[in-house]
Amino acid sequence: MSTIYPQLKLENQLCFPFYACARKIVNLYTPYLKPLGLTYTQYLVMMVMWEENDTTIKNICSRLHLDSGTLTPLIHKLEKRHILEKQICEQDERITCVKLTDEGKKLQEKAKDIPMKVGSCVHVSEEEAALLYTTLYKILNN
């Protein structure tokens, strides 16, 4: 049965290539993250932590465009592995802070080559990558 509504054709959806590419990219990361015991989302959390080390759960949620219901279990798993530790912030007891442990700091060294390895699997020019980056952040921030 053919649809009479062109707006319902998969090939006419801008969202579909975003979705399919996101899945493909995450799958490219998997063989590099698995030996580190990280999921892709945990890796994103770790990248924020390697940048900031001592930060709040609210800040991580904001940086990663995640809600606390999604982030809290990830933080808990990383805490159980002694990669991160949660603390009540000294300045405001209502806020939970997260800090890297020594183990979390060591993990950065093991992960440092992952972006280059994954990047080598994505065959776009520097110009195409820059345009894509700009366009995706434009969409994300609107």
C-alpha atoms as a PDB file:
ATOM      1  CA  MET A   1       0.000   0.000   0.000  1.00  0.00           C
ATOM      2  CA  SER A   2       1.459   3.344  -1.033  1.00  0.00           C
ATOM      3  CA  THR A   3       0.950   6.405   1.112  1.00  0.00           C
ATOM      4  CA  ILE A   4      -0.681   9.473  -0.362  1.00  0.00           C
ATOM      5  CA  TYR A   5       1.050  11.643   2.214  1.00  0.00           C
ATOM      6  CA  PRO A   6       4.626  12.487   1.138  1.00  0.00           C
ATOM      7  CA  GLN A   7       5.334  13.939   4.604  1.00  0.00           C
ATOM      8  CA  LEU A   8       4.993  10.397   5.971  1.00  0.00           C
ATOM      9  CA  LYS A   9       7.630   8.863   3.722  1.00  0.00           C
ATOM     10  CA  LEU A  10      10.793   7.855   5.559  1.00  0.00           C
ATOM     11  CA  GLU A  11      12.969   9.348   2.814  1.00  0.00           C
ATOM     12  CA  ASN A  12      11.390  12.774   3.470  1.00  0.00           C
ATOM     13  CA  GLN A  13      12.200  12.832   7.183  1.00  0.00           C
ATOM     14  CA  LEU A  14      15.091  14.969   8.385  1.00  0.00           C
ATOM     15  CA  CYS A  15      14.955  13.213  11.758  1.00  0.00           C
ATOM     16  CA  PHE A  16      15.663   9.758  10.336  1.00  0.00           C
ATOM     17  CA  PRO A  17      19.243  10.340   9.116  1.00  0.00           C
ATOM     18  CA  PHE A  18      20.011  12.020  12.485  1.00  0.00           C
ATOM     19  CA  TYR A  19      18.704   8.964  14.299  1.00  0.00           C
ATOM     20  CA  ALA A  20      20.454   6.447  12.049  1.00  0.00           C
ATOM     21  CA  CYS A  21      23.782   8.339  12.137  1.00  0.00           C
ATOM     22  CA  ALA A  22      23.645   8.686  15.913  1.00  0.00           C
ATOM     23  CA  ARG A  23      23.187   4.923  16.253  1.00  0.00           C
ATOM     24  CA  LYS A  24      25.991   4.256  13.783  1.00  0.00           C
ATOM     25  CA  ILE A  25      28.396   6.592  15.590  1.00  0.00           C
ATOM     26  CA  VAL A  26      27.588   5.095  18.999  1.00  0.00           C
ATOM     27  CA  ASN A  27      28.228   1.630  17.528  1.00  0.00           C
ATOM     28  CA  LEU A  28      31.628   2.812  16.267  1.00  0.00           C
ATOM     29  CA  TYR A  29      32.579   3.758  19.838  1.00  0.00           C
ATOM     30  CA  THR A  30      31.541   0.433  21.373  1.00  0.00           C
ATOM     31  CA  PRO A  31      34.686  -1.635  20.623  1.00  0.00           C
ATOM     32  CA  TYR A  32      36.865   1.112  22.122  1.00  0.00           C
ATOM     33  CA  LEU A  33      34.713   1.730  25.190  1.00  0.00           C
ATOM     34  CA  LYS A  34      34.008  -1.896  26.057  1.00  0.00           C
ATOM     35  CA  PRO A  35      37.573  -2.600  27.320  1.00  0.00           C
ATOM     36  CA  LEU A  36      37.207   0.460  29.571  1.00  0.00           C
ATOM     37  CA  GLY A  37      33.898  -0.829  30.904  1.00  0.00           C
ATOM     38  CA  LEU A  38      32.047   2.262  29.701  1.00  0.00           C
ATOM     39  CA  THR A  39      28.854   2.755  27.765  1.00  0.00           C
ATOM     40  CA  TYR A  40      28.743   5.654  25.332  1.00  0.00           C
ATOM     41  CA  THR A  41      26.663   7.771  27.738  1.00  0.00           C
ATOM     42  CA  GLN A  42      29.066   7.022  30.602  1.00  0.00           C
ATOM     43  CA  TYR A  43      31.897   8.090  28.296  1.00  0.00           C
ATOM     44  CA  LEU A  44      30.129  11.407  27.716  1.00  0.00           C
ATOM     45  CA  VAL A  45      29.844  11.881  31.485  1.00  0.00           C
ATOM     46  CA  MET A  46      33.534  11.121  31.833  1.00  0.00           C
ATOM     47  CA  MET A  47      34.444  13.663  29.164  1.00  0.00           C
ATOM     48  CA  VAL A  48      32.622  16.348  31.161  1.00  0.00           C
ATOM     49  CA  MET A  49      34.371  15.167  34.318  1.00  0.00           C
ATOM     50  CA  TRP A  50      37.818  15.177  32.682  1.00  0.00           C
ATOM     51  CA  GLU A  51      37.183  18.790  31.666  1.00  0.00           C
ATOM     52  CA  GLU A  52      35.808  19.984  34.982  1.00  0.00           C
ATOM     53  CA  ASN A  53      36.617  17.268  37.576  1.00  0.00           C
ATOM     54  CA  ASP A  54      34.646  18.807  40.448  1.00  0.00           C
ATOM     55  CA  THR A  55      31.162  19.740  39.223  1.00  0.00           C
ATOM     56  CA  THR A  56      27.470  19.333  39.971  1.00  0.00           C
ATOM     57  CA  ILE A  57      25.020  16.788  38.654  1.00  0.00           C
ATOM     58  CA  LYS A  58      22.932  19.723  37.411  1.00  0.00           C
ATOM     59  CA  ASN A  59      25.881  20.987  35.336  1.00  0.00           C
ATOM     60  CA  ILE A  60      26.487  17.545  33.806  1.00  0.00           C
ATOM     61  CA  CYS A  61      22.772  17.300  32.938  1.00  0.00           C
ATOM     62  CA  SER A  62      22.932  20.691  31.268  1.00  0.00           C
ATOM     63  CA  ARG A  63      26.131  19.961  29.330  1.00  0.00           C
ATOM     64  CA  LEU A  64      24.854  16.600  28.054  1.00  0.00           C
ATOM     65  CA  HIS A  65      21.215  17.605  27.512  1.00  0.00           C
ATOM     66  CA  LEU A  66      20.112  14.836  29.890  1.00  0.00           C
ATOM     67  CA  ASP A  67      17.614  14.826  32.727  1.00  0.00           C
ATOM     68  CA  SER A  68      18.625  13.839  36.245  1.00  0.00           C
ATOM     69  CA  GLY A  69      16.543  10.654  36.018  1.00  0.00           C
ATOM     70  CA  THR A  70      18.808   9.465  33.207  1.00  0.00           C
ATOM     71  CA  LEU A  71      22.056  10.742  34.694  1.00  0.00           C
ATOM     72  CA  THR A  72      21.652   9.577  38.317  1.00  0.00           C
ATOM     73  CA  PRO A  73      21.856   5.823  37.570  1.00  0.00           C
ATOM     74  CA  LEU A  74      24.918   6.421  35.355  1.00  0.00           C
ATOM     75  CA  ILE A  75      26.646   8.353  38.121  1.00  0.00           C
ATOM     76  CA  HIS A  76      25.719   5.616  40.594  1.00  0.00           C
ATOM     77  CA  LYS A  77      27.297   2.905  38.391  1.00  0.00           C
ATOM     78  CA  LEU A  78      30.480   4.940  37.947  1.00  0.00           C
ATOM     79  CA  GLU A  79      30.555   5.550  41.689  1.00  0.00           C
ATOM     80  CA  LYS A  80      30.250   1.801  42.389  1.00  0.00           C
ATOM     81  CA  ARG A  81      33.289   1.283  40.142  1.00  0.00           C
ATOM     82  CA  HIS A  82      35.211   3.909  42.144  1.00  0.00           C
ATOM     83  CA  ILE A  83      35.588   6.156  39.105  1.00  0.00           C
ATOM     84  CA  LEU A  84      33.552   9.031  40.543  1.00  0.00           C
ATOM     85  CA  GLU A  85      32.455  10.029  44.007  1.00  0.00           C
ATOM     86  CA  LYS A  86      29.398  12.043  44.981  1.00  0.00           C
ATOM     87  CA  GLN A  87      29.445  14.580  47.776  1.00  0.00           C
ATOM     88  CA  ILE A  88      27.183  17.250  49.166  1.00  0.00           C
ATOM     89  CA  CYS A  89      28.530  20.601  47.943  1.00  0.00           C
ATOM     90  CA  GLU A  90      30.139  22.657  50.666  1.00  0.00           C
ATOM     91  CA  GLN A  91      28.611  25.915  49.400  1.00  0.00           C
ATOM     92  CA  ASP A  92      25.027  24.582  49.219  1.00  0.00           C
ATOM     93  CA  GLU A  93      23.885  21.368  50.918  1.00  0.00           C
ATOM     94  CA  ARG A  94      20.983  21.024  48.478  1.00  0.00           C
ATOM     95  CA  ILE A  95      23.385  20.412  45.590  1.00  0.00           C
ATOM     96  CA  THR A  96      25.191  17.152  44.828  1.00  0.00           C
ATOM     97  CA  CYS A  97      28.730  17.497  43.536  1.00  0.00           C
ATOM     98  CA  VAL A  98      30.632  14.845  41.623  1.00  0.00           C
ATOM     99  CA  LYS A  99      34.398  14.452  41.638  1.00  0.00           C
ATOM    100  CA  LEU A 100      36.846  12.157  39.855  1.00  0.00           C
ATOM    101  CA  THR A 101      38.667   9.538  41.874  1.00  0.00           C
ATOM    102  CA  ASP A 102      42.254   8.567  41.086  1.00  0.00           C
ATOM    103  CA  GLU A 103      40.824   5.665  39.083  1.00  0.00           C
ATOM    104  CA  GLY A 104      38.673   8.088  37.074  1.00  0.00           C
ATOM    105  CA  LYS A 105      41.691  10.257  36.361  1.00  0.00           C
ATOM    106  CA  LYS A 106      43.674   7.220  35.150  1.00  0.00           C
ATOM    107  CA  LEU A 107      40.823   6.271  32.822  1.00  0.00           C
ATOM    108  CA  GLN A 108      41.404   9.480  30.856  1.00  0.00           C
ATOM    109  CA  GLU A 109      44.826   8.251  29.748  1.00  0.00           C
ATOM    110  CA  LYS A 110      43.272   5.001  28.496  1.00  0.00           C
ATOM    111  CA  ALA A 111      40.575   6.903  26.576  1.00  0.00           C
ATOM    112  CA  LYS A 112      42.705   9.644  25.023  1.00  0.00           C
ATOM    113  CA  ASP A 113      42.972   8.042  21.557  1.00  0.00           C
ATOM    114  CA  ILE A 114      39.314   7.067  21.186  1.00  0.00           C
ATOM    115  CA  PRO A 115      38.138  10.253  19.390  1.00  0.00           C
ATOM    116  CA  MET A 116      40.860   9.907  16.755  1.00  0.00           C
ATOM    117  CA  LYS A 117      40.140   6.199  16.249  1.00  0.00           C
ATOM    118  CA  VAL A 118      36.414   6.782  15.800  1.00  0.00           C
ATOM    119  CA  GLY A 119      37.048   9.873  13.672  1.00  0.00           C
ATOM    120  CA  SER A 120      39.113   7.825  11.269  1.00  0.00           C
ATOM    121  CA  CYS A 121      36.045   5.646  10.633  1.00  0.00           C
ATOM    122  CA  VAL A 122      33.870   8.611   9.648  1.00  0.00           C
ATOM    123  CA  HIS A 123      34.739   9.616   6.130  1.00  0.00           C
ATOM    124  CA  VAL A 124      33.923  13.302   5.761  1.00  0.00           C
ATOM    125  CA  SER A 125      36.205  16.207   4.932  1.00  0.00           C
ATOM    126  CA  GLU A 126      37.237  18.732   7.575  1.00  0.00           C
ATOM    127  CA  GLU A 127      34.945  21.283   5.925  1.00  0.00           C
ATOM    128  CA  GLU A 128      31.990  18.872   5.936  1.00  0.00           C
ATOM    129  CA  ALA A 129      32.669  17.988   9.565  1.00  0.00           C
ATOM    130  CA  ALA A 130      32.816  21.674  10.555  1.00  0.00           C
ATOM    131  CA  LEU A 131      29.555  22.426   8.742  1.00  0.00           C
ATOM    132  CA  LEU A 132      27.864  19.395  10.270  1.00  0.00           C
ATOM    133  CA  TYR A 133      29.109  20.347  13.749  1.00  0.00           C
ATOM    134  CA  THR A 134      27.781  23.899  13.370  1.00  0.00           C
ATOM    135  CA  THR A 135      24.442  22.744  11.984  1.00  0.00           C
ATOM    136  CA  LEU A 136      23.896  20.117  14.673  1.00  0.00           C
ATOM    137  CA  TYR A 137      24.655  22.562  17.475  1.00  0.00           C
ATOM    138  CA  LYS A 138      22.334  25.096  15.871  1.00  0.00           C
ATOM    139  CA  ILE A 139      19.534  22.530  15.992  1.00  0.00           C
ATOM    140  CA  LEU A 140      20.481  21.338  19.484  1.00  0.00           C
ATOM    141  CA  ASN A 141      20.555  24.833  20.975  1.00  0.00           C
ATOM    142  CA  ASN A 142      17.234  25.993  19.490  1.00  0.00           C
END
